[in-house]
């Protein structure tokens, strides 16, 4: 007998489901690789939860820096704060049904079932990541933030009234990465304060990952004939360099840097879960003697704001 699927035990339905769920967990682990970013990455995506079918968010800003004074009292309060028009994120449902013939389980023909479960689990991870990284991929021309500008734009307007530029260009190398980091450091938040963001990740396409690692993680300065220490690997050893294959579908040259807690957020309403419909229910309903293994998740990724992010087309 394979994979612990035992039709002679009771309750058989729960035992079958539990065994299949173990295959799901194993398939998820096999997908994860060093250097590969997924939608569950807590740095590349700010993680949040949703309690309804839609999430309504806004940002508050204005007021600037703290006031410096020597007395205990001030007669006039002149700090003004504003909130942006709320942005609504509709939570999507991801689902798939896997039919499993009753005889496959009854006769212990689990090998085919196991392969199907692993394949569908990998399909779920890919579907989740394609949806999530589409926000970065579309950040130059299709996906907008709460201020109405594209995620990566030279014309963002914050709640303090400042124009903010988080768009860079040029092929990823020592010079352009430094320019992007300087832009990130000099970026003001919604209150108009230059908070000094520092890069926690560099995200590239799959094709561009090797170059990203060379530029950011070489011991010595990348692409030079001298023995200078690599500024990025020395100063930002915690900046991880990651990729996702779905970025290649839009651009193989684009790259992104960001600080933890930025505005590209993954809202999870229901974590990926499974259920099993008994073959007897199916037989009574439509005459088919098959179990149905249900796989369901509800979540969405949206760009709420641009703070803490810089993107480059790489061109």
Protein backbone atom coordinates (compact mmCIF):
# COMPACT_ATOMS: atom_id res chain seq x y z
CA UNK A 1 0.00 0.00 0.00
CA UNK A 2 1.29 3.47 -0.92
CA UNK A 3 1.05 6.84 0.78
CA UNK A 4 -1.10 5.57 3.67
CA UNK A 5 -4.37 5.69 1.74
CA UNK A 6 -6.34 2.98 3.50
CA UNK A 7 -9.87 2.25 2.35
CA UNK A 8 -10.32 -0.47 4.97
CA UNK A 9 -9.97 1.93 7.89
CA UNK A 10 -12.63 4.13 9.44
CA UNK A 11 -13.50 6.86 8.91
CA UNK A 12 -12.22 6.19 5.40
CA UNK A 13 -13.01 9.61 3.96
CA UNK A 14 -10.96 11.53 6.50
CA UNK A 15 -8.06 9.10 6.22
CA UNK A 16 -7.97 9.53 2.46
CA UNK A 17 -8.15 13.31 2.74
CA UNK A 18 -5.39 13.40 5.36
CA UNK A 19 -3.10 11.28 3.20
CA UNK A 20 -3.72 13.46 0.16
CA UNK A 21 -3.10 16.59 2.23
CA UNK A 22 0.33 15.22 3.14
CA UNK A 23 1.08 14.99 -0.56
CA UNK A 24 0.00 18.61 -0.93
CA UNK A 25 2.38 19.72 1.81
CA UNK A 26 5.23 17.75 0.27
CA UNK A 27 4.62 19.27 -3.14
CA UNK A 28 4.71 22.78 -1.67
CA UNK A 29 8.10 22.07 -0.10
CA UNK A 30 9.46 20.77 -3.40
CA UNK A 31 8.46 23.97 -5.20
CA UNK A 32 10.35 26.22 -2.76
CA UNK A 33 13.95 26.92 -3.80
CA UNK A 34 16.74 29.15 -2.54
CA UNK A 35 16.69 32.45 -4.41
CA UNK A 36 13.15 32.03 -5.69
CA UNK A 37 10.57 34.49 -4.36
CA UNK A 38 6.98 33.41 -3.81
CA UNK A 39 3.79 35.27 -2.95
CA UNK A 40 4.23 34.22 0.68
CA UNK A 41 7.57 36.05 0.96
CA UNK A 42 7.13 38.49 3.85
CA UNK A 43 9.63 41.00 2.46
CA UNK A 44 8.76 41.03 -1.23
CA UNK A 45 5.06 41.22 -0.32
CA UNK A 46 3.69 42.88 2.80
CA UNK A 47 1.40 40.23 4.28
CA UNK A 48 -2.06 41.11 5.61
CA UNK A 49 -5.39 39.41 6.18
CA UNK A 50 -8.86 40.12 4.85
CA UNK A 51 -12.07 39.66 6.79
CA UNK A 52 -14.53 40.21 3.94
CA UNK A 53 -14.88 39.82 0.20
CA UNK A 54 -13.24 43.22 -0.28
CA UNK A 55 -10.57 45.23 1.52
CA UNK A 56 -10.90 49.01 1.69
CA UNK A 57 -7.66 50.84 2.44
CA UNK A 58 -6.39 54.40 2.57
CA UNK A 59 -3.23 56.24 3.55
CA UNK A 60 -2.84 59.18 5.90
CA UNK A 61 -0.14 61.79 5.51
CA UNK A 62 0.82 65.40 5.85
CA UNK A 63 2.21 67.24 8.82
CA UNK A 64 5.86 66.74 7.97
CA UNK A 65 8.65 66.43 10.52
CA UNK A 66 8.22 66.71 14.27
CA UNK A 67 8.29 70.28 15.48
CA UNK A 68 11.32 71.39 17.43
CA UNK A 69 10.65 73.71 20.36
CA UNK A 70 11.77 74.50 23.87
CA UNK A 71 8.50 75.39 25.62
CA UNK A 72 5.74 73.10 26.85
CA UNK A 73 2.87 74.85 25.13
CA UNK A 74 1.96 76.09 21.70
CA UNK A 75 -0.93 78.44 21.09
CA UNK A 76 -1.81 77.50 17.52
CA UNK A 77 -2.06 74.01 16.04
CA UNK A 78 -1.14 74.20 12.37
CA UNK A 79 -0.40 70.60 11.50
CA UNK A 80 -2.68 69.38 8.73
CA UNK A 81 -3.17 65.71 7.89
CA UNK A 82 -5.20 64.27 5.03
CA UNK A 83 -6.35 60.81 3.94
CA UNK A 84 -6.40 59.57 0.37
CA UNK A 85 -9.60 58.41 -1.29
CA UNK A 86 -9.97 54.76 -0.21
CA UNK A 87 -8.92 52.01 -2.58
CA UNK A 88 -11.00 48.83 -2.78
CA UNK A 89 -9.32 45.48 -3.35
CA UNK A 90 -11.68 42.67 -4.37
CA UNK A 91 -10.63 39.30 -2.97
CA UNK A 92 -10.37 36.59 -5.64
CA UNK A 93 -11.16 32.91 -5.21
CA UNK A 94 -8.85 30.24 -6.60
CA UNK A 95 -10.32 26.77 -6.83
CA UNK A 96 -9.95 23.45 -8.60
CA UNK A 97 -11.72 20.10 -8.29
CA UNK A 98 -9.79 16.85 -8.73
CA UNK A 99 -11.99 13.81 -9.45
CA UNK A 100 -10.67 10.51 -8.07
CA UNK A 101 -12.32 7.28 -9.21
CA UNK A 102 -13.60 5.15 -6.35
CA UNK A 103 -11.87 2.06 -7.76
CA UNK A 104 -8.50 3.82 -7.84
CA UNK A 105 -8.63 4.10 -4.07
CA UNK A 106 -10.43 0.84 -3.41
CA UNK A 107 -7.81 -1.09 -5.38
CA UNK A 108 -4.91 0.91 -3.91
CA UNK A 109 -3.97 2.48 -7.23
CA UNK A 110 -2.66 5.56 -5.47
CA UNK A 111 0.34 6.23 -7.66
CA UNK A 112 -1.76 7.97 -10.30
CA UNK A 113 -3.69 9.86 -7.62
CA UNK A 114 -0.50 10.99 -5.90
CA UNK A 115 0.92 12.32 -9.15
CA UNK A 116 -2.28 14.21 -9.87
CA UNK A 117 -2.36 15.77 -6.38
CA UNK A 118 1.26 16.87 -6.61
CA UNK A 119 0.69 18.33 -10.06
CA UNK A 120 -2.40 20.26 -8.98
CA UNK A 121 -0.60 21.58 -5.90
CA UNK A 122 2.23 22.87 -8.05
CA UNK A 123 -0.40 24.42 -10.32
CA UNK A 124 -1.89 26.22 -7.30
CA UNK A 125 1.48 27.64 -6.25
CA UNK A 126 2.11 28.79 -9.82
CA UNK A 127 -1.37 30.36 -10.07
CA UNK A 128 -0.87 32.20 -6.78
CA UNK A 129 2.56 33.49 -7.79
CA UNK A 130 1.54 34.49 -11.31
CA UNK A 131 -1.22 36.61 -9.81
CA UNK A 132 1.04 38.15 -7.16
CA UNK A 133 4.06 39.00 -9.32
CA UNK A 134 1.76 40.44 -11.95
CA UNK A 135 1.57 43.51 -9.70
CA UNK A 136 5.32 44.09 -10.04
CA UNK A 137 5.36 43.17 -13.73
CA UNK A 138 2.49 45.54 -14.46
CA UNK A 139 3.81 48.28 -12.23
CA UNK A 140 5.17 50.33 -15.13
CA UNK A 141 2.09 50.46 -17.33
CA UNK A 142 -1.06 48.82 -15.92
CA UNK A 143 -1.17 48.57 -12.10
CA UNK A 144 -1.82 51.79 -10.18
CA UNK A 145 -1.53 52.82 -6.53
CA UNK A 146 -3.91 54.82 -4.36
CA UNK A 147 -2.78 58.11 -5.93
CA UNK A 148 -3.76 56.95 -9.42
CA UNK A 149 -0.20 56.72 -10.77
CA UNK A 150 1.48 53.52 -11.87
CA UNK A 151 3.32 51.69 -9.08
CA UNK A 152 6.64 52.86 -10.50
CA UNK A 153 6.27 56.42 -11.68
CA UNK A 154 8.06 59.77 -11.68
CA UNK A 155 4.82 61.60 -10.84
CA UNK A 156 3.46 60.15 -7.60
CA UNK A 157 1.75 62.67 -5.32
CA UNK A 158 1.77 61.97 -1.60
CA UNK A 159 -0.65 63.25 1.03
CA UNK A 160 1.73 66.08 1.89
CA UNK A 161 1.49 67.37 -1.69
CA UNK A 162 5.01 66.33 -2.71
CA UNK A 163 5.86 64.82 -6.08
CA UNK A 164 7.68 61.53 -5.57
CA UNK A 165 9.75 59.69 -8.18
CA UNK A 166 10.36 55.94 -7.71
CA UNK A 167 11.08 55.08 -11.34
CA UNK A 168 14.58 54.27 -12.64
CA UNK A 169 16.01 53.00 -15.90
CA UNK A 170 19.16 51.44 -17.31
CA UNK A 171 20.49 47.89 -17.33
CA UNK A 172 21.21 46.45 -13.89
CA UNK A 173 24.84 47.05 -12.99
CA UNK A 174 26.94 48.63 -10.27
CA UNK A 175 26.00 52.18 -11.28
CA UNK A 176 22.26 51.75 -11.84
CA UNK A 177 21.75 49.71 -8.67
CA UNK A 178 23.46 52.46 -6.70
CA UNK A 179 21.21 55.06 -8.36
CA UNK A 180 18.13 53.05 -7.39
CA UNK A 181 19.29 52.72 -3.78
CA UNK A 182 19.98 56.45 -3.58
CA UNK A 183 16.46 57.10 -4.92
CA UNK A 184 15.02 54.76 -2.28
CA UNK A 185 16.97 56.43 0.51
CA UNK A 186 15.84 59.88 -0.56
CA UNK A 187 12.17 58.97 -0.98
CA UNK A 188 9.72 60.84 1.25
CA UNK A 189 6.75 59.10 2.85
CA UNK A 190 3.11 60.19 2.81
CA UNK A 191 3.87 62.84 5.43
CA UNK A 192 6.67 64.35 3.36
CA UNK A 193 9.39 62.98 5.64
CA UNK A 194 12.63 61.55 4.22
CA UNK A 195 12.67 58.47 6.45
CA UNK A 196 15.76 56.86 4.91
CA UNK A 197 14.43 53.62 3.45
CA UNK A 198 17.06 50.90 3.02
CA UNK A 199 16.81 47.99 0.57
CA UNK A 200 15.80 44.63 2.02
CA UNK A 201 15.40 42.89 -1.33
CA UNK A 202 16.40 43.06 -4.97
CA UNK A 203 13.86 41.30 -7.20
CA UNK A 204 14.73 40.29 -10.76
CA UNK A 205 13.44 38.10 -13.55
CA UNK A 206 14.65 34.52 -13.71
CA UNK A 207 16.93 35.42 -16.62
CA UNK A 208 18.31 38.43 -14.75
CA UNK A 209 18.91 36.67 -11.43
CA UNK A 210 22.49 35.59 -12.13
CA UNK A 211 23.44 39.14 -13.05
CA UNK A 212 21.63 40.45 -9.97
CA UNK A 213 23.60 38.09 -7.75
CA UNK A 214 26.85 39.10 -9.44
CA UNK A 215 26.19 42.82 -9.03
CA UNK A 216 24.87 42.70 -5.47
CA UNK A 217 26.61 39.74 -3.85
CA UNK A 218 30.10 39.47 -5.34
CA UNK A 219 32.84 39.82 -2.75
CA UNK A 220 34.68 42.32 -4.92
CA UNK A 221 33.18 45.04 -7.08
CA UNK A 222 31.30 43.49 -10.01
CA UNK A 223 32.46 44.14 -13.58
CA UNK A 224 35.72 45.84 -12.66
CA UNK A 225 39.37 44.94 -12.87
CA UNK A 226 40.32 46.39 -9.50
CA UNK A 227 40.12 44.91 -6.02
CA UNK A 228 37.54 47.28 -4.49
CA UNK A 229 35.18 45.67 -2.04
CA UNK A 230 31.64 45.30 -3.35
CA UNK A 231 29.75 48.21 -1.82
CA UNK A 232 26.41 46.39 -1.88
CA UNK A 233 27.47 43.08 -0.36
CA UNK A 234 29.46 44.90 2.32
CA UNK A 235 26.84 47.49 3.25
CA UNK A 236 23.69 45.45 2.65
CA UNK A 237 24.50 41.83 3.50
CA UNK A 238 20.85 41.34 4.47
CA UNK A 239 19.53 42.49 1.10
CA UNK A 240 18.38 39.27 -0.51
CA UNK A 241 18.49 38.86 -4.27
CA UNK A 242 15.49 36.87 -5.48
CA UNK A 243 13.65 36.10 -8.71
CA UNK A 244 10.35 34.78 -9.96
CA UNK A 245 9.85 33.17 -13.33
CA UNK A 246 6.60 35.00 -14.04
CA UNK A 247 8.38 38.33 -14.28
CA UNK A 248 10.05 37.05 -17.46
CA UNK A 249 6.68 36.94 -19.20
CA UNK A 250 6.57 40.75 -19.18
CA UNK A 251 10.21 41.82 -19.00
CA UNK A 252 13.52 40.04 -18.51
CA UNK A 253 15.36 43.29 -17.78
CA UNK A 254 13.19 44.96 -15.13
CA UNK A 255 14.27 44.86 -11.50
CA UNK A 256 12.90 46.15 -8.21
CA UNK A 257 14.26 47.07 -4.81
CA UNK A 258 12.26 47.64 -1.67
CA UNK A 259 12.21 48.06 2.07
CA UNK A 260 10.21 45.74 4.31
CA UNK A 261 6.69 47.00 4.99
CA UNK A 262 6.21 48.63 1.57
CA UNK A 263 2.85 49.10 -0.12
CA UNK A 264 2.54 46.01 -2.35
CA UNK A 265 0.35 43.89 -0.11
CA UNK A 266 -0.98 40.35 -0.21
CA UNK A 267 -4.38 40.09 1.47
CA UNK A 268 -5.26 36.54 2.49
CA UNK A 269 -8.92 35.77 3.16
CA UNK A 270 -8.80 31.97 3.21
CA UNK A 271 -5.51 30.09 3.21
CA UNK A 272 -5.20 27.24 0.74
CA UNK A 273 -7.26 24.33 2.06
CA UNK A 274 -8.86 21.13 0.87
CA UNK A 275 -12.03 19.15 1.26
CA UNK A 276 -13.21 15.76 0.06
CA UNK A 277 -16.64 14.99 -1.34
CA UNK A 278 -17.61 11.34 -0.81
CA UNK A 279 -18.18 9.21 -3.91
CA UNK A 280 -21.58 8.23 -2.50
CA UNK A 281 -22.68 11.86 -2.66
CA UNK A 282 -21.49 12.10 -6.24
CA UNK A 283 -23.24 8.85 -7.16
CA UNK A 284 -26.52 10.02 -5.68
CA UNK A 285 -26.24 13.39 -7.45
CA UNK A 286 -25.06 12.43 -10.92
CA UNK A 287 -24.38 8.71 -11.02
CA UNK A 288 -20.58 9.06 -11.02
CA UNK A 289 -18.67 6.81 -8.61
CA UNK A 290 -15.83 9.19 -7.86
CA UNK A 291 -14.52 11.23 -4.97
CA UNK A 292 -13.94 14.92 -5.56
CA UNK A 293 -10.87 16.46 -3.92
CA UNK A 294 -11.53 20.19 -3.62
CA UNK A 295 -8.68 22.73 -3.40
CA UNK A 296 -9.62 26.30 -2.51
CA UNK A 297 -7.95 29.59 -1.56
CA UNK A 298 -9.09 33.21 -1.41
CA UNK A 299 -6.61 36.06 -1.62
CA UNK A 300 -5.49 39.05 -3.67
CA UNK A 301 -2.38 41.17 -4.12
CA UNK A 302 -2.65 44.91 -4.68
CA UNK A 303 -0.40 47.96 -4.80
CA UNK A 304 -1.79 50.23 -2.11
CA UNK A 305 1.03 52.76 -2.24
CA UNK A 306 4.56 53.17 -3.57
CA UNK A 307 6.43 54.11 -0.38
CA UNK A 308 9.54 52.01 0.16
CA UNK A 309 9.74 50.79 -3.44
CA UNK A 310 11.79 51.63 -6.52
CA UNK A 311 11.40 49.94 -9.89
CA UNK A 312 13.54 50.05 -13.00
CA UNK A 313 12.62 48.97 -16.51
CA UNK A 314 16.23 47.84 -16.95
CA UNK A 315 16.31 49.65 -20.30
